[in-house]
């Protein structure tokens, strides 16, 4: 899972400053990506993709299980998640206002 870096355009007073709407959109995208990464790590510990002992897909299943977990996490974050993105977005906005 890749979290997009905060670009210089998100920093107030930068030469390549984006419009406020573009900045908010990028900040929201970064916050949602962070929540998806957080959820992916949490889902790994729940065993959501563990194969029952009587069945199994072998090495291929093990190799691709993390992709399924990441997709679950992305979809959870996209549909509202657990509130981490909103908190991160609020912190980003405070930073952009200089508070």
PDB file of N, CA and C in Angstrom:
ATOM      1  N   UNK A   1       0.849  -1.152   0.000  1.00  0.00           N
ATOM      2  CA  UNK A   1       0.000   0.000   0.000  1.00  0.00           C
ATOM      3  C   UNK A   1       0.897   1.218   0.000  1.00  0.00           C
ATOM      4  N   UNK A   2       0.602   2.159  -0.859  1.00  0.00           N
ATOM      5  CA  UNK A   2       1.449   3.339  -0.979  1.00  0.00           C
ATOM      6  C   UNK A   2       0.706   4.563  -0.475  1.00  0.00           C
ATOM      7  N   UNK A   3       1.358   5.316   0.366  1.00  0.00           N
ATOM      8  CA  UNK A   3       0.790   6.562   0.872  1.00  0.00           C
ATOM      9  C   UNK A   3       1.438   7.698   0.091  1.00  0.00           C
ATOM     10  N   UNK A   4       0.631   8.522  -0.588  1.00  0.00           N
ATOM     11  CA  UNK A   4       1.225   9.605  -1.361  1.00  0.00           C
ATOM     12  C   UNK A   4       1.872  10.629  -0.438  1.00  0.00           C
ATOM     13  N   UNK A   5       3.060  11.112  -0.795  1.00  0.00           N
ATOM     14  CA  UNK A   5       3.721  12.102   0.064  1.00  0.00           C
ATOM     15  C   UNK A   5       3.004  13.441  -0.017  1.00  0.00           C
ATOM     16  N   UNK A   6       3.111  14.205   1.053  1.00  0.00           N
ATOM     17  CA  UNK A   6       2.580  15.555   1.009  1.00  0.00           C
ATOM     18  C   UNK A   6       3.515  16.392   0.155  1.00  0.00           C
ATOM     19  N   UNK A   7       2.977  16.938  -0.893  1.00  0.00           N
ATOM     20  CA  UNK A   7       3.800  17.678  -1.830  1.00  0.00           C
ATOM     21  C   UNK A   7       4.085  19.081  -1.307  1.00  0.00           C
ATOM     22  N   UNK A   8       5.085  19.751  -1.865  1.00  0.00           N
ATOM     23  CA  UNK A   8       5.362  21.130  -1.453  1.00  0.00           C
ATOM     24  C   UNK A   8       4.161  22.036  -1.680  1.00  0.00           C
ATOM     25  N   UNK A   9       3.274  21.664  -2.594  1.00  0.00           N
ATOM     26  CA  UNK A   9       2.096  22.488  -2.865  1.00  0.00           C
ATOM     27  C   UNK A   9       1.157  22.540  -1.665  1.00  0.00           C
ATOM     28  N   UNK A  10       1.281  21.595  -0.745  1.00  0.00           N
ATOM     29  CA  UNK A  10       0.438  21.606   0.435  1.00  0.00           C
ATOM     30  C   UNK A  10       0.968  22.538   1.514  1.00  0.00           C
ATOM     31  N   UNK A  11       2.185  22.988   1.363  1.00  0.00           N
ATOM     32  CA  UNK A  11       2.779  23.865   2.362  1.00  0.00           C
ATOM     33  C   UNK A  11       2.423  25.317   2.041  1.00  0.00           C
ATOM     34  N   UNK A  12       1.864  26.040   2.986  1.00  0.00           N
ATOM     35  CA  UNK A  12       1.507  27.438   2.734  1.00  0.00           C
ATOM     36  C   UNK A  12       2.737  28.258   2.357  1.00  0.00           C
ATOM     37  N   UNK A  13       2.557  29.145   1.421  1.00  0.00           N
ATOM     38  CA  UNK A  13       3.632  30.034   1.020  1.00  0.00           C
ATOM     39  C   UNK A  13       4.638  29.426   0.066  1.00  0.00           C
ATOM     40  N   UNK A  14       4.410  28.205  -0.383  1.00  0.00           N
ATOM     41  CA  UNK A  14       5.358  27.603  -1.317  1.00  0.00           C
ATOM     42  C   UNK A  14       5.171  28.203  -2.698  1.00  0.00           C
ATOM     43  N   UNK A  15       6.238  28.176  -3.498  1.00  0.00           N
ATOM     44  CA  UNK A  15       6.191  28.764  -4.832  1.00  0.00           C
ATOM     45  C   UNK A  15       5.195  28.038  -5.722  1.00  0.00           C
ATOM     46  N   UNK A  16       5.037  26.744  -5.514  1.00  0.00           N
ATOM     47  CA  UNK A  16       4.136  25.950  -6.338  1.00  0.00           C
ATOM     48  C   UNK A  16       2.806  25.736  -5.627  1.00  0.00           C
ATOM     49  N   UNK A  17       2.373  26.731  -4.868  1.00  0.00           N
ATOM     50  CA  UNK A  17       1.151  26.575  -4.074  1.00  0.00           C
ATOM     51  C   UNK A  17      -0.047  26.287  -4.974  1.00  0.00           C
ATOM     52  N   UNK A  18      -0.818  25.294  -4.570  1.00  0.00           N
ATOM     53  CA  UNK A  18      -2.017  24.923  -5.306  1.00  0.00           C
ATOM     54  C   UNK A  18      -3.183  25.751  -4.785  1.00  0.00           C
ATOM     55  N   UNK A  19      -4.285  25.660  -5.486  1.00  0.00           N
ATOM     56  CA  UNK A  19      -5.485  26.346  -5.019  1.00  0.00           C
ATOM     57  C   UNK A  19      -5.953  25.669  -3.738  1.00  0.00           C
ATOM     58  N   UNK A  20      -6.725  26.376  -2.919  1.00  0.00           N
ATOM     59  CA  UNK A  20      -7.212  25.756  -1.675  1.00  0.00           C
ATOM     60  C   UNK A  20      -7.996  24.465  -1.908  1.00  0.00           C
ATOM     61  N   UNK A  21      -8.789  24.418  -2.976  1.00  0.00           N
ATOM     62  CA  UNK A  21      -9.554  23.196  -3.254  1.00  0.00           C
ATOM     63  C   UNK A  21      -8.642  22.031  -3.625  1.00  0.00           C
ATOM     64  N   UNK A  22      -7.609  22.316  -4.423  1.00  0.00           N
ATOM     65  CA  UNK A  22      -6.652  21.260  -4.793  1.00  0.00           C
ATOM     66  C   UNK A  22      -5.897  20.773  -3.564  1.00  0.00           C
ATOM     67  N   UNK A  23      -5.537  21.704  -2.708  1.00  0.00           N
ATOM     68  CA  UNK A  23      -4.807  21.354  -1.494  1.00  0.00           C
ATOM     69  C   UNK A  23      -5.662  20.481  -0.584  1.00  0.00           C
ATOM     70  N   UNK A  24      -6.917  20.863  -0.405  1.00  0.00           N
ATOM     71  CA  UNK A  24      -7.825  20.063   0.426  1.00  0.00           C
ATOM     72  C   UNK A  24      -8.030  18.675  -0.165  1.00  0.00           C
ATOM     73  N   UNK A  25      -8.158  18.582  -1.477  1.00  0.00           N
ATOM     74  CA  UNK A  25      -8.366  17.286  -2.129  1.00  0.00           C
ATOM     75  C   UNK A  25      -7.149  16.384  -1.932  1.00  0.00           C
ATOM     76  N   UNK A  26      -5.951  16.945  -2.085  1.00  0.00           N
ATOM     77  CA  UNK A  26      -4.735  16.153  -1.895  1.00  0.00           C
ATOM     78  C   UNK A  26      -4.572  15.733  -0.439  1.00  0.00           C
ATOM     79  N   UNK A  27      -4.927  16.625   0.472  1.00  0.00           N
ATOM     80  CA  UNK A  27      -4.835  16.296   1.894  1.00  0.00           C
ATOM     81  C   UNK A  27      -5.818  15.194   2.251  1.00  0.00           C
ATOM     82  N   UNK A  28      -7.027  15.265   1.707  1.00  0.00           N
ATOM     83  CA  UNK A  28      -8.029  14.230   1.963  1.00  0.00           C
ATOM     84  C   UNK A  28      -7.579  12.890   1.392  1.00  0.00           C
ATOM     85  N   UNK A  29      -6.974  12.918   0.213  1.00  0.00           N
ATOM     86  CA  UNK A  29      -6.467  11.695  -0.412  1.00  0.00           C
ATOM     87  C   UNK A  29      -5.345  11.076   0.433  1.00  0.00           C
ATOM     88  N   UNK A  30      -4.446  11.910   0.921  1.00  0.00           N
ATOM     89  CA  UNK A  30      -3.349  11.412   1.754  1.00  0.00           C
ATOM     90  C   UNK A  30      -3.876  10.844   3.071  1.00  0.00           C
ATOM     91  N   UNK A  31      -4.872  11.506   3.657  1.00  0.00           N
ATOM     92  CA  UNK A  31      -5.449  11.028   4.916  1.00  0.00           C
ATOM     93  C   UNK A  31      -6.147   9.685   4.724  1.00  0.00           C
ATOM     94  N   UNK A  32      -6.872   9.536   3.615  1.00  0.00           N
ATOM     95  CA  UNK A  32      -7.553   8.263   3.340  1.00  0.00           C
ATOM     96  C   UNK A  32      -6.541   7.149   3.067  1.00  0.00           C
ATOM     97  N   UNK A  33      -5.459   7.466   2.358  1.00  0.00           N
ATOM     98  CA  UNK A  33      -4.418   6.467   2.109  1.00  0.00           C
ATOM     99  C   UNK A  33      -3.747   6.042   3.413  1.00  0.00           C
ATOM    100  N   UNK A  34      -3.552   6.989   4.318  1.00  0.00           N
ATOM    101  CA  UNK A  34      -2.973   6.653   5.616  1.00  0.00           C
ATOM    102  C   UNK A  34      -3.900   5.720   6.381  1.00  0.00           C
ATOM    103  N   UNK A  35      -5.203   6.029   6.378  1.00  0.00           N
ATOM    104  CA  UNK A  35      -6.147   5.162   7.080  1.00  0.00           C
ATOM    105  C   UNK A  35      -6.169   3.769   6.467  1.00  0.00           C
ATOM    106  N   UNK A  36      -6.103   3.677   5.146  1.00  0.00           N
ATOM    107  CA  UNK A  36      -6.086   2.365   4.490  1.00  0.00           C
ATOM    108  C   UNK A  36      -4.851   1.575   4.898  1.00  0.00           C
ATOM    109  N   UNK A  37      -3.698   2.248   4.981  1.00  0.00           N
ATOM    110  CA  UNK A  37      -2.471   1.557   5.403  1.00  0.00           C
ATOM    111  C   UNK A  37      -2.593   1.089   6.855  1.00  0.00           C
ATOM    112  N   UNK A  38      -3.175   1.926   7.705  1.00  0.00           N
ATOM    113  CA  UNK A  38      -3.382   1.560   9.103  1.00  0.00           C
ATOM    114  C   UNK A  38      -4.327   0.355   9.201  1.00  0.00           C
ATOM    115  N   UNK A  39      -5.431   0.396   8.480  1.00  0.00           N
ATOM    116  CA  UNK A  39      -6.385  -0.705   8.509  1.00  0.00           C
ATOM    117  C   UNK A  39      -5.780  -1.997   7.969  1.00  0.00           C
ATOM    118  N   UNK A  40      -4.940  -1.893   6.940  1.00  0.00           N
ATOM    119  CA  UNK A  40      -4.288  -3.084   6.396  1.00  0.00           C
ATOM    120  C   UNK A  40      -3.432  -3.762   7.457  1.00  0.00           C
ATOM    121  N   UNK A  41      -2.694  -2.955   8.219  1.00  0.00           N
ATOM    122  CA  UNK A  41      -1.874  -3.535   9.280  1.00  0.00           C
ATOM    123  C   UNK A  41      -2.738  -4.186  10.359  1.00  0.00           C
ATOM    124  N   UNK A  42      -3.841  -3.546  10.707  1.00  0.00           N
ATOM    125  CA  UNK A  42      -4.730  -4.106  11.721  1.00  0.00           C
ATOM    126  C   UNK A  42      -5.391  -5.399  11.220  1.00  0.00           C
ATOM    127  N   UNK A  43      -5.789  -5.417   9.947  1.00  0.00           N
ATOM    128  CA  UNK A  43      -6.435  -6.601   9.388  1.00  0.00           C
ATOM    129  C   UNK A  43      -5.487  -7.802   9.336  1.00  0.00           C
ATOM    130  N   UNK A  44      -4.198  -7.542   9.156  1.00  0.00           N
ATOM    131  CA  UNK A  44      -3.224  -8.642   9.119  1.00  0.00           C
ATOM    132  C   UNK A  44      -3.249  -9.428  10.422  1.00  0.00           C
ATOM    133  N   UNK A  45      -3.470  -8.727  11.532  1.00  0.00           N
ATOM    134  CA  UNK A  45      -3.448  -9.379  12.834  1.00  0.00           C
ATOM    135  C   UNK A  45      -4.773 -10.058  13.190  1.00  0.00           C
ATOM    136  N   UNK A  46      -5.831  -9.761  12.426  1.00  0.00           N
ATOM    137  CA  UNK A  46      -7.113 -10.403  12.705  1.00  0.00           C
ATOM    138  C   UNK A  46      -7.183 -11.797  12.106  1.00  0.00           C
ATOM    139  N   UNK A  47      -6.323 -12.072  11.134  1.00  0.00           N
ATOM    140  CA  UNK A  47      -6.362 -13.367  10.463  1.00  0.00           C
ATOM    141  C   UNK A  47      -7.457 -13.445   9.419  1.00  0.00           C
ATOM    142  N   UNK A  48      -7.874 -12.296   8.902  1.00  0.00           N
ATOM    143  CA  UNK A  48      -8.973 -12.244   7.948  1.00  0.00           C
ATOM    144  C   UNK A  48      -8.691 -13.073   6.691  1.00  0.00           C
ATOM    145  N   UNK A  49      -7.448 -13.239   6.308  1.00  0.00           N
ATOM    146  CA  UNK A  49      -7.115 -14.000   5.097  1.00  0.00           C
ATOM    147  C   UNK A  49      -6.460 -15.340   5.391  1.00  0.00           C
ATOM    148  N   UNK A  50      -6.529 -15.798   6.616  1.00  0.00           N
ATOM    149  CA  UNK A  50      -5.938 -17.095   6.930  1.00  0.00           C
ATOM    150  C   UNK A  50      -6.787 -18.210   6.341  1.00  0.00           C
ATOM    151  N   UNK A  51      -6.119 -19.181   5.767  1.00  0.00           N
ATOM    152  CA  UNK A  51      -6.803 -20.316   5.159  1.00  0.00           C
ATOM    153  C   UNK A  51      -7.052 -21.377   6.222  1.00  0.00           C
ATOM    154  N   UNK A  52      -8.261 -21.926   6.255  1.00  0.00           N
ATOM    155  CA  UNK A  52      -8.501 -23.022   7.201  1.00  0.00           C
ATOM    156  C   UNK A  52      -7.509 -24.158   6.973  1.00  0.00           C
ATOM    157  N   UNK A  53      -7.161 -24.860   8.034  1.00  0.00           N
ATOM    158  CA  UNK A  53      -6.107 -25.871   7.934  1.00  0.00           C
ATOM    159  C   UNK A  53      -6.446 -26.999   6.963  1.00  0.00           C
ATOM    160  N   UNK A  54      -7.722 -27.299   6.742  1.00  0.00           N
ATOM    161  CA  UNK A  54      -8.104 -28.386   5.837  1.00  0.00           C
ATOM    162  C   UNK A  54      -8.021 -28.018   4.377  1.00  0.00           C
ATOM    163  N   UNK A  55      -7.911 -26.718   4.085  1.00  0.00           N
ATOM    164  CA  UNK A  55      -7.858 -26.245   2.705  1.00  0.00           C
ATOM    165  C   UNK A  55      -6.594 -25.436   2.527  1.00  0.00           C
ATOM    166  N   UNK A  56      -6.310 -25.082   1.324  1.00  0.00           N
ATOM    167  CA  UNK A  56      -5.154 -24.231   1.121  1.00  0.00           C
ATOM    168  C   UNK A  56      -4.812 -24.100  -0.338  1.00  0.00           C
ATOM    169  N   UNK A  57      -4.316 -22.939  -0.687  1.00  0.00           N
ATOM    170  CA  UNK A  57      -3.943 -22.668  -2.064  1.00  0.00           C
ATOM    171  C   UNK A  57      -2.449 -22.699  -2.271  1.00  0.00           C
ATOM    172  N   UNK A  58      -1.715 -23.090  -1.262  1.00  0.00           N
ATOM    173  CA  UNK A  58      -0.275 -23.211  -1.397  1.00  0.00           C
ATOM    174  C   UNK A  58       0.450 -21.888  -1.418  1.00  0.00           C
ATOM    175  N   UNK A  59       1.576 -21.908  -2.107  1.00  0.00           N
ATOM    176  CA  UNK A  59       2.451 -20.732  -2.158  1.00  0.00           C
ATOM    177  C   UNK A  59       1.782 -19.548  -2.849  1.00  0.00           C
ATOM    178  N   UNK A  60       0.989 -19.819  -3.867  1.00  0.00           N
ATOM    179  CA  UNK A  60       0.313 -18.729  -4.584  1.00  0.00           C
ATOM    180  C   UNK A  60      -0.627 -17.963  -3.681  1.00  0.00           C
ATOM    181  N   UNK A  61      -1.355 -18.685  -2.857  1.00  0.00           N
ATOM    182  CA  UNK A  61      -2.279 -18.023  -1.948  1.00  0.00           C
ATOM    183  C   UNK A  61      -1.523 -17.160  -0.945  1.00  0.00           C
ATOM    184  N   UNK A  62      -0.453 -17.690  -0.423  1.00  0.00           N
ATOM    185  CA  UNK A  62       0.360 -16.920   0.530  1.00  0.00           C
ATOM    186  C   UNK A  62       0.933 -15.668  -0.122  1.00  0.00           C
ATOM    187  N   UNK A  63       1.332 -15.792  -1.384  1.00  0.00           N
ATOM    188  CA  UNK A  63       1.959 -14.666  -2.072  1.00  0.00           C
ATOM    189  C   UNK A  63       0.983 -13.519  -2.322  1.00  0.00           C
ATOM    190  N   UNK A  64      -0.278 -13.846  -2.548  1.00  0.00           N
ATOM    191  CA  UNK A  64      -1.239 -12.814  -2.914  1.00  0.00           C
ATOM    192  C   UNK A  64      -2.191 -12.423  -1.791  1.00  0.00           C
ATOM    193  N   UNK A  65      -2.095 -13.047  -0.641  1.00  0.00           N
ATOM    194  CA  UNK A  65      -3.000 -12.738   0.472  1.00  0.00           C
ATOM    195  C   UNK A  65      -2.863 -11.282   0.918  1.00  0.00           C
ATOM    196  N   UNK A  66      -1.664 -10.750   0.883  1.00  0.00           N
ATOM    197  CA  UNK A  66      -1.480  -9.361   1.323  1.00  0.00           C
ATOM    198  C   UNK A  66      -2.183  -8.379   0.383  1.00  0.00           C
ATOM    199  N   UNK A  67      -2.262  -8.715  -0.906  1.00  0.00           N
ATOM    200  CA  UNK A  67      -2.968  -7.843  -1.840  1.00  0.00           C
ATOM    201  C   UNK A  67      -4.456  -7.782  -1.509  1.00  0.00           C
ATOM    202  N   UNK A  68      -5.025  -8.923  -1.138  1.00  0.00           N
ATOM    203  CA  UNK A  68      -6.435  -8.967  -0.761  1.00  0.00           C
ATOM    204  C   UNK A  68      -6.665  -8.172   0.527  1.00  0.00           C
ATOM    205  N   UNK A  69      -5.775  -8.316   1.476  1.00  0.00           N
ATOM    206  CA  UNK A  69      -5.888  -7.556   2.722  1.00  0.00           C
ATOM    207  C   UNK A  69      -5.809  -6.055   2.441  1.00  0.00           C
ATOM    208  N   UNK A  70      -4.876  -5.648   1.585  1.00  0.00           N
ATOM    209  CA  UNK A  70      -4.751  -4.230   1.236  1.00  0.00           C
ATOM    210  C   UNK A  70      -6.012  -3.717   0.556  1.00  0.00           C
ATOM    211  N   UNK A  71      -6.607  -4.534  -0.291  1.00  0.00           N
ATOM    212  CA  UNK A  71      -7.828  -4.116  -0.982  1.00  0.00           C
ATOM    213  C   UNK A  71      -8.991  -3.998   0.000  1.00  0.00           C
ATOM    214  N   UNK A  72      -9.106  -4.944   0.925  1.00  0.00           N
ATOM    215  CA  UNK A  72     -10.124  -4.824   1.974  1.00  0.00           C
ATOM    216  C   UNK A  72      -9.941  -3.507   2.726  1.00  0.00           C
ATOM    217  N   UNK A  73      -8.719  -3.201   3.096  1.00  0.00           N
ATOM    218  CA  UNK A  73      -8.432  -1.985   3.860  1.00  0.00           C
ATOM    219  C   UNK A  73      -8.767  -0.739   3.053  1.00  0.00           C
ATOM    220  N   UNK A  74      -8.414  -0.734   1.777  1.00  0.00           N
ATOM    221  CA  UNK A  74      -8.706   0.415   0.918  1.00  0.00           C
ATOM    222  C   UNK A  74     -10.213   0.640   0.817  1.00  0.00           C
ATOM    223  N   UNK A  75     -10.959  -0.454   0.632  1.00  0.00           N
ATOM    224  CA  UNK A  75     -12.412  -0.336   0.530  1.00  0.00           C
ATOM    225  C   UNK A  75     -13.038   0.119   1.845  1.00  0.00           C
ATOM    226  N   UNK A  76     -12.529  -0.374   2.956  1.00  0.00           N
ATOM    227  CA  UNK A  76     -13.026   0.079   4.262  1.00  0.00           C
ATOM    228  C   UNK A  76     -12.791   1.579   4.440  1.00  0.00           C
ATOM    229  N   UNK A  77     -11.582   2.030   4.117  1.00  0.00           N
ATOM    230  CA  UNK A  77     -11.253   3.451   4.263  1.00  0.00           C
ATOM    231  C   UNK A  77     -12.101   4.306   3.322  1.00  0.00           C
ATOM    232  N   UNK A  78     -12.309   3.823   2.113  1.00  0.00           N
ATOM    233  CA  UNK A  78     -13.095   4.549   1.116  1.00  0.00           C
ATOM    234  C   UNK A  78     -14.546   4.726   1.567  1.00  0.00           C
ATOM    235  N   UNK A  79     -15.053   3.757   2.304  1.00  0.00           N
ATOM    236  CA  UNK A  79     -16.453   3.782   2.740  1.00  0.00           C
ATOM    237  C   UNK A  79     -16.631   4.365   4.148  1.00  0.00           C
ATOM    238  N   UNK A  80     -15.653   5.099   4.618  1.00  0.00           N
ATOM    239  CA  UNK A  80     -15.800   5.775   5.904  1.00  0.00           C
ATOM    240  C   UNK A  80     -14.833   5.311   6.961  1.00  0.00           C
ATOM    241  N   UNK A  81     -14.332   4.091   6.851  1.00  0.00           N
ATOM    242  CA  UNK A  81     -13.320   3.599   7.771  1.00  0.00           C
ATOM    243  C   UNK A  81     -13.727   3.674   9.229  1.00  0.00           C
ATOM    244  N   UNK A  82     -12.744   3.970  10.057  1.00  0.00           N
ATOM    245  CA  UNK A  82     -12.967   4.024  11.501  1.00  0.00           C
ATOM    246  C   UNK A  82     -12.704   5.417  12.064  1.00  0.00           C
ATOM    247  N   UNK A  83     -12.565   6.405  11.195  1.00  0.00           N
ATOM    248  CA  UNK A  83     -12.400   7.781  11.646  1.00  0.00           C
ATOM    249  C   UNK A  83     -10.971   8.295  11.675  1.00  0.00           C
ATOM    250  N   UNK A  84     -10.018   7.471  11.313  1.00  0.00           N
ATOM    251  CA  UNK A  84      -8.615   7.905  11.330  1.00  0.00           C
ATOM    252  C   UNK A  84      -8.385   8.990  10.277  1.00  0.00           C
ATOM    253  N   UNK A  85      -8.950   8.810   9.080  1.00  0.00           N
ATOM    254  CA  UNK A  85      -8.739   9.778   7.999  1.00  0.00           C
ATOM    255  C   UNK A  85      -9.254  11.159   8.390  1.00  0.00           C
ATOM    256  N   UNK A  86     -10.402  11.205   9.046  1.00  0.00           N
ATOM    257  CA  UNK A  86     -10.947  12.499   9.449  1.00  0.00           C
ATOM    258  C   UNK A  86     -10.036  13.191  10.452  1.00  0.00           C
ATOM    259  N   UNK A  87      -9.489  12.429  11.390  1.00  0.00           N
ATOM    260  CA  UNK A  87      -8.579  13.011  12.378  1.00  0.00           C
ATOM    261  C   UNK A  87      -7.295  13.514  11.717  1.00  0.00           C
ATOM    262  N   UNK A  88      -6.743  12.715  10.815  1.00  0.00           N
ATOM    263  CA  UNK A  88      -5.513  13.109  10.116  1.00  0.00           C
ATOM    264  C   UNK A  88      -5.782  14.336   9.254  1.00  0.00           C
ATOM    265  N   UNK A  89      -6.916  14.343   8.551  1.00  0.00           N
ATOM    266  CA  UNK A  89      -7.263  15.482   7.705  1.00  0.00           C
ATOM    267  C   UNK A  89      -7.409  16.748   8.545  1.00  0.00           C
ATOM    268  N   UNK A  90      -8.022  16.630   9.723  1.00  0.00           N
ATOM    269  CA  UNK A  90      -8.148  17.777  10.618  1.00  0.00           C
ATOM    270  C   UNK A  90      -6.795  18.320  11.040  1.00  0.00           C
ATOM    271  N   UNK A  91      -5.864  17.420  11.331  1.00  0.00           N
ATOM    272  CA  UNK A  91      -4.515  17.848  11.709  1.00  0.00           C
ATOM    273  C   UNK A  91      -3.804  18.532  10.548  1.00  0.00           C
ATOM    274  N   UNK A  92      -3.994  18.007   9.342  1.00  0.00           N
ATOM    275  CA  UNK A  92      -3.379  18.624   8.159  1.00  0.00           C
ATOM    276  C   UNK A  92      -3.944  20.025   7.969  1.00  0.00           C
ATOM    277  N   UNK A  93      -5.261  20.162   8.088  1.00  0.00           N
ATOM    278  CA  UNK A  93      -5.871  21.487   7.932  1.00  0.00           C
ATOM    279  C   UNK A  93      -5.358  22.473   8.978  1.00  0.00           C
ATOM    280  N   UNK A  94      -5.212  22.014  10.215  1.00  0.00           N
ATOM    281  CA  UNK A  94      -4.670  22.894  11.258  1.00  0.00           C
ATOM    282  C   UNK A  94      -3.270  23.349  10.888  1.00  0.00           C
ATOM    283  N   UNK A  95      -2.466  22.426  10.383  1.00  0.00           N
ATOM    284  CA  UNK A  95      -1.114  22.766   9.974  1.00  0.00           C
ATOM    285  C   UNK A  95      -1.085  23.759   8.829  1.00  0.00           C
ATOM    286  N   UNK A  96      -2.042  23.622   7.899  1.00  0.00           N
ATOM    287  CA  UNK A  96      -2.093  24.545   6.760  1.00  0.00           C
ATOM    288  C   UNK A  96      -2.527  25.941   7.201  1.00  0.00           C
ATOM    289  N   UNK A  97      -3.324  26.008   8.257  1.00  0.00           N
ATOM    290  CA  UNK A  97      -3.763  27.312   8.778  1.00  0.00           C
ATOM    291  C   UNK A  97      -2.715  27.921   9.694  1.00  0.00           C
ATOM    292  N   UNK A  98      -1.709  27.127  10.039  1.00  0.00           N
ATOM    293  CA  UNK A  98      -0.648  27.626  10.905  1.00  0.00           C
ATOM    294  C   UNK A  98      -0.980  27.599  12.373  1.00  0.00           C
ATOM    295  N   UNK A  99      -1.883  26.721  12.783  1.00  0.00           N
ATOM    296  CA  UNK A  99      -2.272  26.649  14.199  1.00  0.00           C
ATOM    297  C   UNK A  99      -1.491  25.598  14.912  1.00  0.00           C
TER     298      UNK A  99
END
